[in-house]
């Protein structure tokens, strides 16, 4: 069981902070999730659509065309005509799309046993002309700064707590995507893309608001919830909440994300998005460059670490365990999954259902040769898998010999 200090160390050592491919995969998941509801429900404008309501005189023909366009886009589906309502939901996204810059606070929480939580508050800046910036804190201290600068086709992640930074080049496709996963309008689009339940009125941070909530299983799993609270006077978002189960350190844990304290139409200068990296910070290697080097012919010619005859026999067994485990995950066969990863037996029915959604469409691309770890009877296997939504990803799978079961099993990394 992890202590609070263990949780902090886990965050500080996390490869997530330097995995630009994973960040892009999350963005791809959001974009694809936004497209999925179009099959079963009317859709709102795409993120880069700038619709304007013209107040000048128009002809009847033009007016009829506008009505037809609204029906095709499904906007009438989202207009709240209930008496006394102050929010016109169809206009919320449209109004925010016309705002060039926004500043807001976001808090991420991951629940751990005995009521403990890892809390990561951040201050976020978004400007269409410049990009995005997120200042992330831990225990009241600035820990990381993330920049995404599409116009320059580059992204940075600066670890203040480690005096280290990473620079990532963005492809033309990545730079052209427009809205980043950190932009609240990305989440607004997802929330407003399908059916929702009205929550009525409430006071949010001292302001009268109306709320809705929905489930978008393609993004937050079967039991996930997304909520949106909008100012009844301005028709602008006050708070966006997401609650879901997610994998963290090999365990399914409750995640909660809250965006609030929005400053819509904030005045931001380009200097806010300039990565001022101190001279004593060292540059880390882009993980993609490291993988490319490992895959090069020269790297492949490097002789592997010498194994004993017993370890060579174990190596083939470890690889087979990983193959069977991944196949069981692909088939979503829980009897086989638990056979090869008994640690998952403690999952609840709800956690299994959430993981089932995550595993749907999993394809096994490649299983590397097991690498012997320093710890006795423990191995690491680098694999390449393809998710239905996130695309191709490299994963390290850890295997150890279980004395009680007298066989190798997949385990969490120690």
Protein backbone atom coordinates (compact mmCIF):
# COMPACT_ATOMS: atom_id res chain seq x y z
CA UNK A 1 0.00 0.00 0.00
CA UNK A 2 1.48 3.36 -1.07
CA UNK A 3 2.09 6.12 1.47
CA UNK A 4 1.59 9.79 0.65
CA UNK A 5 5.34 10.10 0.03
CA UNK A 6 5.23 7.11 -2.34
CA UNK A 7 2.47 8.81 -4.31
CA UNK A 8 4.55 11.98 -4.60
CA UNK A 9 7.55 9.99 -5.80
CA UNK A 10 5.36 8.21 -8.31
CA UNK A 11 4.32 11.57 -9.75
CA UNK A 12 7.88 12.91 -9.74
CA UNK A 13 9.18 9.84 -11.62
CA UNK A 14 6.22 9.56 -13.94
CA UNK A 15 7.11 9.08 -17.60
CA UNK A 16 3.78 10.67 -18.46
CA UNK A 17 5.31 14.08 -18.09
CA UNK A 18 7.77 13.36 -20.90
CA UNK A 19 5.57 11.21 -23.14
CA UNK A 20 4.43 13.59 -25.88
CA UNK A 21 3.05 10.68 -27.92
CA UNK A 22 0.71 9.80 -25.05
CA UNK A 23 -0.48 13.39 -24.79
CA UNK A 24 -1.22 13.41 -28.52
CA UNK A 25 -2.97 10.04 -28.16
CA UNK A 26 -5.24 11.49 -25.48
CA UNK A 27 -6.04 14.40 -27.79
CA UNK A 28 -6.77 11.96 -30.61
CA UNK A 29 -9.08 10.03 -28.28
CA UNK A 30 -10.99 13.21 -27.50
CA UNK A 31 -11.28 14.15 -31.16
CA UNK A 32 -12.51 10.70 -32.16
CA UNK A 33 -14.88 10.61 -29.21
CA UNK A 34 -16.36 13.88 -30.41
CA UNK A 35 -17.04 12.32 -33.80
CA UNK A 36 -18.63 9.10 -32.50
CA UNK A 37 -21.96 10.58 -31.31
CA UNK A 38 -22.64 11.81 -34.84
CA UNK A 39 -23.71 8.29 -35.71
CA UNK A 40 -26.51 8.23 -33.14
CA UNK A 41 -27.20 11.86 -32.19
CA UNK A 42 -27.25 15.28 -33.84
CA UNK A 43 -23.95 17.14 -33.65
CA UNK A 44 -22.97 20.70 -32.91
CA UNK A 45 -20.56 22.79 -34.95
CA UNK A 46 -17.03 21.40 -35.38
CA UNK A 47 -14.43 23.08 -33.18
CA UNK A 48 -13.04 25.30 -35.93
CA UNK A 49 -16.46 26.48 -37.18
CA UNK A 50 -17.06 30.19 -36.62
CA UNK A 51 -20.82 30.76 -37.00
CA UNK A 52 -22.10 34.32 -36.63
CA UNK A 53 -25.66 35.54 -36.20
CA UNK A 54 -26.12 38.54 -38.48
CA UNK A 55 -28.43 41.23 -37.15
CA UNK A 56 -28.81 43.10 -40.46
CA UNK A 57 -31.88 42.70 -42.71
CA UNK A 58 -31.89 39.43 -44.68
CA UNK A 59 -34.13 38.02 -47.36
CA UNK A 60 -36.73 35.37 -46.66
CA UNK A 61 -34.75 32.93 -48.78
CA UNK A 62 -31.63 33.46 -46.71
CA UNK A 63 -33.66 33.08 -43.53
CA UNK A 64 -35.10 29.79 -44.77
CA UNK A 65 -31.61 28.58 -45.66
CA UNK A 66 -30.39 29.45 -42.17
CA UNK A 67 -33.24 27.47 -40.60
CA UNK A 68 -32.43 24.45 -42.79
CA UNK A 69 -28.75 24.72 -41.84
CA UNK A 70 -29.65 24.71 -38.15
CA UNK A 71 -31.80 21.61 -38.57
CA UNK A 72 -29.01 19.81 -40.45
CA UNK A 73 -26.52 20.69 -37.74
CA UNK A 74 -28.94 19.50 -35.06
CA UNK A 75 -28.92 22.74 -33.12
CA UNK A 76 -32.64 22.66 -32.35
CA UNK A 77 -32.00 19.46 -30.41
CA UNK A 78 -30.03 21.46 -27.84
CA UNK A 79 -32.10 24.63 -27.53
CA UNK A 80 -33.69 24.81 -24.10
CA UNK A 81 -37.22 26.11 -24.56
CA UNK A 82 -38.36 25.44 -21.01
CA UNK A 83 -40.00 28.48 -19.46
CA UNK A 84 -37.78 30.40 -17.08
CA UNK A 85 -34.50 28.94 -18.37
CA UNK A 86 -31.65 31.42 -18.63
CA UNK A 87 -29.24 29.26 -20.64
CA UNK A 88 -29.51 28.56 -24.36
CA UNK A 89 -27.30 25.49 -24.54
CA UNK A 90 -26.83 25.60 -28.31
CA UNK A 91 -25.13 28.98 -27.98
CA UNK A 92 -22.68 28.11 -25.19
CA UNK A 93 -20.02 26.52 -27.40
CA UNK A 94 -20.62 29.01 -30.20
CA UNK A 95 -20.10 31.95 -27.85
CA UNK A 96 -16.87 30.55 -26.36
CA UNK A 97 -15.56 29.80 -29.86
CA UNK A 98 -15.67 33.52 -30.62
CA UNK A 99 -13.47 34.32 -27.60
CA UNK A 100 -9.74 34.44 -28.48
CA UNK A 101 -8.27 33.78 -25.03
CA UNK A 102 -9.21 32.25 -21.68
CA UNK A 103 -7.50 31.68 -18.31
CA UNK A 104 -8.79 29.08 -15.85
CA UNK A 105 -7.90 26.83 -12.93
CA UNK A 106 -7.94 23.05 -13.20
CA UNK A 107 -7.59 20.50 -10.41
CA UNK A 108 -6.89 16.83 -10.98
CA UNK A 109 -7.51 14.32 -8.16
CA UNK A 110 -6.60 10.63 -8.03
CA UNK A 111 -8.07 8.64 -5.13
CA UNK A 112 -5.94 6.18 -3.14
CA UNK A 113 -6.84 3.79 -0.29
CA UNK A 114 -7.72 5.11 3.17
CA UNK A 115 -9.08 8.37 1.80
CA UNK A 116 -5.72 9.61 0.49
CA UNK A 117 -5.58 11.66 -2.71
CA UNK A 118 -2.99 12.93 -5.14
CA UNK A 119 -4.09 16.50 -5.92
CA UNK A 120 -2.58 18.41 -8.85
CA UNK A 121 -3.86 22.00 -9.21
CA UNK A 122 -2.89 24.03 -12.26
CA UNK A 123 -3.27 27.49 -13.76
CA UNK A 124 -3.99 27.33 -17.50
CA UNK A 125 -3.66 29.88 -20.28
CA UNK A 126 -5.18 29.43 -23.76
CA UNK A 127 -4.81 31.91 -26.64
CA UNK A 128 -5.67 31.04 -30.23
CA UNK A 129 -2.81 33.10 -31.68
CA UNK A 130 -0.15 31.71 -29.35
CA UNK A 131 -1.07 28.26 -27.98
CA UNK A 132 -1.52 26.87 -24.48
CA UNK A 133 0.37 26.88 -21.19
CA UNK A 134 -0.27 24.94 -17.97
CA UNK A 135 1.48 25.62 -14.64
CA UNK A 136 1.07 22.47 -12.51
CA UNK A 137 1.73 22.42 -8.77
CA UNK A 138 2.32 19.73 -6.15
CA UNK A 139 2.08 20.40 -2.41
CA UNK A 140 1.76 24.13 -3.04
CA UNK A 141 4.93 24.34 -5.15
CA UNK A 142 5.24 24.77 -8.91
CA UNK A 143 6.34 21.40 -10.27
CA UNK A 144 5.85 21.49 -14.04
CA UNK A 145 5.10 23.92 -16.89
CA UNK A 146 3.70 22.65 -20.19
CA UNK A 147 3.67 24.67 -23.41
CA UNK A 148 2.04 23.77 -26.72
CA UNK A 149 2.86 26.26 -29.49
CA UNK A 150 1.22 25.13 -32.78
CA UNK A 151 2.33 28.19 -34.77
CA UNK A 152 5.95 27.26 -34.04
CA UNK A 153 5.25 23.50 -34.34
CA UNK A 154 6.84 22.80 -30.98
CA UNK A 155 5.90 21.81 -27.42
CA UNK A 156 7.85 22.01 -24.16
CA UNK A 157 7.55 20.34 -20.79
CA UNK A 158 9.61 21.91 -18.01
CA UNK A 159 10.11 20.02 -14.74
CA UNK A 160 10.83 22.77 -12.24
CA UNK A 161 11.28 20.23 -9.43
CA UNK A 162 13.98 18.41 -11.45
CA UNK A 163 15.58 21.40 -13.23
CA UNK A 164 15.02 19.58 -16.49
CA UNK A 165 13.06 20.20 -19.69
CA UNK A 166 11.99 18.42 -22.88
CA UNK A 167 11.38 19.87 -26.34
CA UNK A 168 9.01 18.10 -28.76
CA UNK A 169 8.62 18.90 -32.43
CA UNK A 170 5.03 18.84 -33.68
CA UNK A 171 4.20 17.45 -37.09
CA UNK A 172 2.14 19.51 -39.51
CA UNK A 173 -0.86 17.34 -38.61
CA UNK A 174 -0.35 17.78 -34.87
CA UNK A 175 0.11 21.54 -35.20
CA UNK A 176 -2.96 21.88 -37.43
CA UNK A 177 -5.30 20.19 -34.97
CA UNK A 178 -6.22 23.52 -33.45
CA UNK A 179 -7.78 22.99 -30.03
CA UNK A 180 -5.59 21.25 -27.49
CA UNK A 181 -6.82 18.70 -24.96
CA UNK A 182 -6.15 21.38 -22.31
CA UNK A 183 -8.62 23.79 -23.93
CA UNK A 184 -12.00 23.79 -22.12
CA UNK A 185 -13.79 24.18 -25.46
CA UNK A 186 -12.56 20.72 -26.42
CA UNK A 187 -14.52 19.34 -23.46
CA UNK A 188 -17.52 21.58 -24.10
CA UNK A 189 -17.77 20.13 -27.59
CA UNK A 190 -17.77 16.61 -26.18
CA UNK A 191 -20.37 17.34 -23.48
CA UNK A 192 -22.74 19.07 -25.90
CA UNK A 193 -22.40 16.46 -28.63
CA UNK A 194 -25.19 14.17 -27.40
CA UNK A 195 -27.99 13.64 -24.90
CA UNK A 196 -27.74 15.12 -21.41
CA UNK A 197 -29.73 15.51 -18.18
CA UNK A 198 -30.67 18.92 -16.82
CA UNK A 199 -29.56 19.59 -13.24
CA UNK A 200 -31.55 22.78 -12.76
CA UNK A 201 -30.23 25.88 -11.06
CA UNK A 202 -27.51 26.22 -8.43
CA UNK A 203 -25.09 28.79 -7.09
CA UNK A 204 -21.54 28.17 -8.33
CA UNK A 205 -18.82 30.31 -6.75
CA UNK A 206 -21.48 32.87 -5.80
CA UNK A 207 -22.98 33.04 -9.29
CA UNK A 208 -26.42 31.81 -10.45
CA UNK A 209 -25.91 28.90 -12.83
CA UNK A 210 -27.71 26.11 -14.67
CA UNK A 211 -26.17 22.68 -15.11
CA UNK A 212 -26.32 19.57 -17.22
CA UNK A 213 -24.61 16.20 -16.89
CA UNK A 214 -23.97 13.37 -19.30
CA UNK A 215 -22.09 10.15 -19.84
CA UNK A 216 -19.78 9.79 -22.81
CA UNK A 217 -18.59 6.15 -22.42
CA UNK A 218 -16.21 6.45 -25.37
CA UNK A 219 -14.24 8.97 -23.30
CA UNK A 220 -14.98 8.41 -19.58
CA UNK A 221 -16.12 4.77 -19.49
CA UNK A 222 -19.50 3.27 -18.69
CA UNK A 223 -19.85 4.86 -15.26
CA UNK A 224 -18.08 8.16 -15.93
CA UNK A 225 -19.88 11.47 -15.51
CA UNK A 226 -19.30 14.87 -17.13
CA UNK A 227 -21.00 18.04 -15.82
CA UNK A 228 -21.25 21.56 -17.16
CA UNK A 229 -22.38 24.62 -15.19
CA UNK A 230 -23.14 27.82 -17.12
CA UNK A 231 -23.68 31.41 -15.94
CA UNK A 232 -27.36 32.23 -16.59
CA UNK A 233 -26.53 35.89 -17.24
CA UNK A 234 -23.56 35.58 -19.61
CA UNK A 235 -24.23 32.11 -21.09
CA UNK A 236 -20.56 31.29 -20.45
CA UNK A 237 -19.23 28.21 -18.59
CA UNK A 238 -18.49 28.51 -14.87
CA UNK A 239 -17.38 24.96 -14.13
CA UNK A 240 -16.66 21.72 -16.04
CA UNK A 241 -16.38 18.48 -14.03
CA UNK A 242 -15.34 14.98 -15.06
CA UNK A 243 -15.43 11.88 -12.84
CA UNK A 244 -14.22 8.51 -14.10
CA UNK A 245 -12.29 5.35 -13.29
CA UNK A 246 -8.82 5.21 -14.78
CA UNK A 247 -5.73 3.04 -14.69
CA UNK A 248 -3.02 4.44 -12.41
CA UNK A 249 0.06 2.48 -11.44
CA UNK A 250 -1.55 -0.80 -12.49
CA UNK A 251 -4.69 -0.13 -10.43
CA UNK A 252 -8.15 1.17 -11.35
CA UNK A 253 -8.63 4.36 -9.34
CA UNK A 254 -11.21 7.13 -9.20
CA UNK A 255 -10.16 10.25 -11.11
CA UNK A 256 -11.78 13.68 -10.89
CA UNK A 257 -10.99 16.79 -12.95
CA UNK A 258 -12.50 20.23 -12.36
CA UNK A 259 -12.10 23.32 -14.56
CA UNK A 260 -13.32 26.56 -12.94
CA UNK A 261 -12.60 30.24 -12.24
CA UNK A 262 -12.75 31.01 -15.95
CA UNK A 263 -11.57 34.41 -17.16
CA UNK A 264 -13.14 34.51 -20.62
CA UNK A 265 -11.67 36.98 -23.11
CA UNK A 266 -8.55 37.43 -20.97
CA UNK A 267 -5.89 39.82 -22.23
CA UNK A 268 -2.78 37.68 -22.78
CA UNK A 269 0.51 38.75 -24.31
CA UNK A 270 2.83 36.50 -26.30
CA UNK A 271 5.36 36.62 -23.44
CA UNK A 272 3.10 34.35 -21.36
CA UNK A 273 3.76 31.56 -23.86
CA UNK A 274 7.52 32.05 -24.16
CA UNK A 275 9.41 29.20 -22.41
CA UNK A 276 11.95 31.07 -20.30
CA UNK A 277 14.12 28.10 -19.31
CA UNK A 278 16.91 28.86 -16.79
CA UNK A 279 20.49 28.22 -17.91
CA UNK A 280 21.08 25.58 -15.22
CA UNK A 281 18.24 23.33 -16.53
CA UNK A 282 19.35 20.29 -18.54
CA UNK A 283 17.51 19.08 -21.63
CA UNK A 284 16.03 15.59 -21.56
CA UNK A 285 15.85 13.35 -24.60
CA UNK A 286 12.63 13.08 -26.57
CA UNK A 287 11.40 9.49 -25.88
CA UNK A 288 10.62 9.13 -29.58
CA UNK A 289 14.28 9.75 -30.44
CA UNK A 290 15.32 7.15 -27.87
CA UNK A 291 12.94 4.58 -29.38
CA UNK A 292 14.17 5.33 -32.91
CA UNK A 293 17.75 4.76 -31.79
CA UNK A 294 16.84 1.48 -30.13
CA UNK A 295 15.11 0.36 -33.34
CA UNK A 296 18.06 1.29 -35.55
CA UNK A 297 20.15 -1.52 -37.17
CA UNK A 298 23.18 -0.48 -35.13
CA UNK A 299 21.26 -0.81 -31.88
CA UNK A 300 19.90 -4.18 -32.94
CA UNK A 301 23.45 -5.42 -33.49
CA UNK A 302 24.28 -4.78 -29.82
CA UNK A 303 24.68 -8.18 -28.17
CA UNK A 304 22.09 -8.89 -25.46
CA UNK A 305 23.05 -9.38 -21.85
CA UNK A 306 24.35 -12.90 -21.30
CA UNK A 307 21.78 -15.15 -19.63
CA UNK A 308 22.32 -18.37 -17.77
CA UNK A 309 20.85 -21.56 -19.22
CA UNK A 310 18.10 -21.44 -16.59
CA UNK A 311 17.30 -17.80 -17.45
CA UNK A 312 17.17 -18.62 -21.17
CA UNK A 313 14.53 -21.26 -20.43
CA UNK A 314 12.62 -18.79 -18.27
CA UNK A 315 12.83 -16.11 -20.98
CA UNK A 316 10.71 -18.09 -23.43
CA UNK A 317 8.13 -18.82 -20.70
CA UNK A 318 7.92 -15.13 -19.78
CA UNK A 319 7.30 -14.15 -23.40
CA UNK A 320 4.54 -16.75 -23.72
CA UNK A 321 2.86 -15.48 -20.52
CA UNK A 322 2.83 -11.96 -21.93
CA UNK A 323 1.40 -13.19 -25.24
CA UNK A 324 -1.39 -15.10 -23.49
CA UNK A 325 -2.13 -12.17 -21.20
CA UNK A 326 -2.39 -9.67 -24.04
CA UNK A 327 -4.55 -12.08 -26.04
CA UNK A 328 -6.86 -12.47 -23.04
CA UNK A 329 -7.08 -8.66 -22.78
CA UNK A 330 -7.88 -8.42 -26.49
CA UNK A 331 -10.59 -11.08 -26.10
CA UNK A 332 -11.74 -9.48 -22.81
CA UNK A 333 -11.68 -12.96 -21.33
CA UNK A 334 -11.58 -12.32 -17.59
CA UNK A 335 -10.92 -15.94 -16.63
CA UNK A 336 -7.71 -15.85 -18.66
CA UNK A 337 -6.84 -12.29 -17.61
CA UNK A 338 -7.01 -13.27 -13.93
CA UNK A 339 -5.02 -16.44 -14.60
CA UNK A 340 -2.10 -14.45 -15.95
CA UNK A 341 -2.56 -11.32 -13.80
CA UNK A 342 -4.07 -12.47 -10.48
CA UNK A 343 -3.63 -8.99 -8.99
CA UNK A 344 -6.71 -7.89 -10.95
CA UNK A 345 -8.90 -10.23 -8.87
CA UNK A 346 -9.53 -7.40 -6.40
CA UNK A 347 -11.27 -5.28 -9.07
CA UNK A 348 -14.96 -4.62 -8.48
CA UNK A 349 -17.60 -5.39 -11.10
CA UNK A 350 -17.73 -1.67 -11.98
CA UNK A 351 -13.94 -1.50 -12.36
CA UNK A 352 -13.92 -4.53 -14.64
CA UNK A 353 -16.66 -2.98 -16.77
CA UNK A 354 -14.63 0.21 -17.09
CA UNK A 355 -11.51 -1.73 -18.06
CA UNK A 356 -13.57 -3.75 -20.54
CA UNK A 357 -14.46 -0.52 -22.32
CA UNK A 358 -10.80 0.46 -22.39
CA UNK A 359 -9.71 -2.92 -23.79
CA UNK A 360 -12.26 -3.03 -26.61
CA UNK A 361 -10.56 -3.43 -29.99
CA UNK A 362 -7.06 -4.01 -28.53
CA UNK A 363 -4.62 -5.43 -31.11
CA UNK A 364 -1.23 -7.00 -30.37
CA UNK A 365 1.35 -5.50 -32.72
CA UNK A 366 4.66 -6.77 -31.35
CA UNK A 367 6.11 -8.51 -28.28
CA UNK A 368 9.79 -7.88 -27.62
CA UNK A 369 12.33 -10.18 -26.03
CA UNK A 370 12.04 -10.26 -22.21
CA UNK A 371 14.76 -8.33 -20.40
CA UNK A 372 16.00 -9.60 -17.04
CA UNK A 373 15.61 -7.10 -14.21
CA UNK A 374 18.00 -6.68 -11.30
CA UNK A 375 15.43 -8.16 -8.92
CA UNK A 376 15.50 -11.99 -8.90
CA UNK A 377 12.92 -13.78 -11.09
CA UNK A 378 11.59 -10.48 -12.46
CA UNK A 379 11.43 -9.51 -16.14
CA UNK A 380 10.37 -6.55 -18.29
CA UNK A 381 8.88 -7.00 -21.76
CA UNK A 382 8.51 -4.10 -24.19
CA UNK A 383 5.36 -4.54 -26.28
CA UNK A 384 3.57 -2.57 -28.98
CA UNK A 385 -0.22 -2.59 -28.94
CA UNK A 386 -2.89 -0.75 -30.88
CA UNK A 387 -5.92 0.67 -29.09
CA UNK A 388 -9.24 1.17 -30.85
CA UNK A 389 -9.21 4.90 -30.12
CA UNK A 390 -5.74 5.96 -28.95
CA UNK A 391 -3.84 4.20 -31.72
CA UNK A 392 -0.43 2.52 -31.39
CA UNK A 393 1.35 2.65 -28.03
CA UNK A 394 4.44 1.06 -26.53
CA UNK A 395 3.96 -0.52 -23.10
CA UNK A 396 6.31 -2.16 -20.63
CA UNK A 397 4.82 -5.31 -19.09
CA UNK A 398 6.41 -6.68 -15.94
CA UNK A 399 6.50 -10.37 -15.08
CA UNK A 400 7.68 -12.18 -11.95
CA UNK A 401 7.81 -15.75 -10.73
CA UNK A 402 5.06 -16.40 -8.17
CA UNK A 403 6.27 -18.96 -5.64
CA UNK A 404 2.76 -19.68 -4.37
CA UNK A 405 1.45 -20.41 -7.88
CA UNK A 406 4.72 -21.96 -9.10
CA UNK A 407 4.56 -20.03 -12.39
CA UNK A 408 5.23 -16.64 -13.98
CA UNK A 409 2.51 -13.96 -13.72
CA UNK A 410 2.11 -10.38 -14.90
CA UNK A 411 2.58 -7.91 -12.06
CA UNK A 412 2.77 -4.22 -11.22
CA UNK A 413 6.12 -2.54 -11.38
CA UNK A 414 7.71 -2.41 -7.96
